[in-house]
């Protein structure tokens, strides 16, 4: 059973073209879920590695930190 526009349909009764479209939709949705999960993981890793970088900055650089405490990627070389 699939739901489209708030109506339930029996997917076994779809035409071959409809079955291909449904399969493509399922693949796209799975890809979106994976991308979303990877994005969330990347945000966590970015924060983790930024924290490590901050801990290992020389003292004179730590004193020059900006008020918002952000690290810009173009400043890291």
Protein backbone atom coordinates (compact mmCIF):
# COMPACT_ATOMS: atom_id res chain seq x y z
CA UNK A 1 0.00 0.00 0.00
CA UNK A 2 1.32 3.43 -0.93
CA UNK A 3 -0.13 6.85 -0.14
CA UNK A 4 -0.20 9.60 -2.76
CA UNK A 5 -2.04 12.87 -2.15
CA UNK A 6 -3.54 11.42 1.05
CA UNK A 7 -5.07 8.48 -0.85
CA UNK A 8 -4.02 4.84 -0.46
CA UNK A 9 -3.21 2.71 -3.50
CA UNK A 10 -2.22 -0.91 -4.05
CA UNK A 11 1.26 -0.71 -5.59
CA UNK A 12 0.85 -4.19 -7.11
CA UNK A 13 -1.73 -2.71 -9.46
CA UNK A 14 0.62 -0.06 -10.88
CA UNK A 15 1.62 -0.16 -14.53
CA UNK A 16 5.23 -1.01 -15.31
CA UNK A 17 5.99 2.70 -15.76
CA UNK A 18 4.31 3.44 -12.41
CA UNK A 19 6.40 0.73 -10.72
CA UNK A 20 9.59 2.26 -12.16
CA UNK A 21 8.52 5.71 -10.93
CA UNK A 22 7.76 4.33 -7.45
CA UNK A 23 11.14 2.58 -7.34
CA UNK A 24 12.90 5.81 -8.38
CA UNK A 25 11.04 7.75 -5.68
CA UNK A 26 12.10 5.20 -3.06
CA UNK A 27 15.74 5.42 -4.19
CA UNK A 28 15.66 9.23 -4.12
CA UNK A 29 14.12 9.27 -0.65
CA UNK A 30 16.77 6.85 0.63
CA UNK A 31 19.49 9.05 -0.89
CA UNK A 32 18.00 12.13 0.80
CA UNK A 33 17.97 10.34 4.15
CA UNK A 34 21.62 9.32 3.72
CA UNK A 35 22.64 12.84 2.72
CA UNK A 36 20.79 14.30 5.70
CA UNK A 37 22.51 11.84 8.05
CA UNK A 38 25.92 12.57 6.54
CA UNK A 39 25.29 16.32 6.91
CA UNK A 40 24.42 15.88 10.58
CA UNK A 41 27.50 13.73 11.14
CA UNK A 42 29.68 16.28 9.35
CA UNK A 43 28.38 19.07 11.60
CA UNK A 44 29.31 17.01 14.67
CA UNK A 45 32.76 16.19 13.27
CA UNK A 46 33.36 19.80 12.26
CA UNK A 47 32.62 20.99 15.80
CA UNK A 48 34.79 18.22 17.27
CA UNK A 49 37.81 19.02 15.11
CA UNK A 50 37.35 22.77 15.55
CA UNK A 51 37.43 22.24 19.32
CA UNK A 52 40.63 20.20 18.99
CA UNK A 53 42.17 22.91 16.80
CA UNK A 54 41.31 25.58 19.37
CA UNK A 55 42.96 23.52 22.13
CA UNK A 56 46.19 23.34 20.13
CA UNK A 57 46.50 26.94 18.98
CA UNK A 58 49.56 28.81 20.22
CA UNK A 59 48.79 31.20 23.09
CA UNK A 60 49.33 34.39 21.04
CA UNK A 61 46.72 33.26 18.52
CA UNK A 62 44.20 32.28 21.21
CA UNK A 63 44.25 35.90 22.45
CA UNK A 64 43.19 37.07 18.99
CA UNK A 65 40.01 34.99 18.83
CA UNK A 66 36.95 36.79 17.54
CA UNK A 67 34.00 37.56 19.78
CA UNK A 68 31.76 35.00 18.07
CA UNK A 69 34.40 32.26 18.55
CA UNK A 70 33.93 30.91 15.01
CA UNK A 71 36.58 29.34 12.80
CA UNK A 72 36.38 30.24 9.14
CA UNK A 73 37.65 27.61 6.74
CA UNK A 74 39.37 30.16 4.53
CA UNK A 75 41.51 31.24 7.51
CA UNK A 76 42.75 27.70 8.18
CA UNK A 77 45.78 26.95 6.01
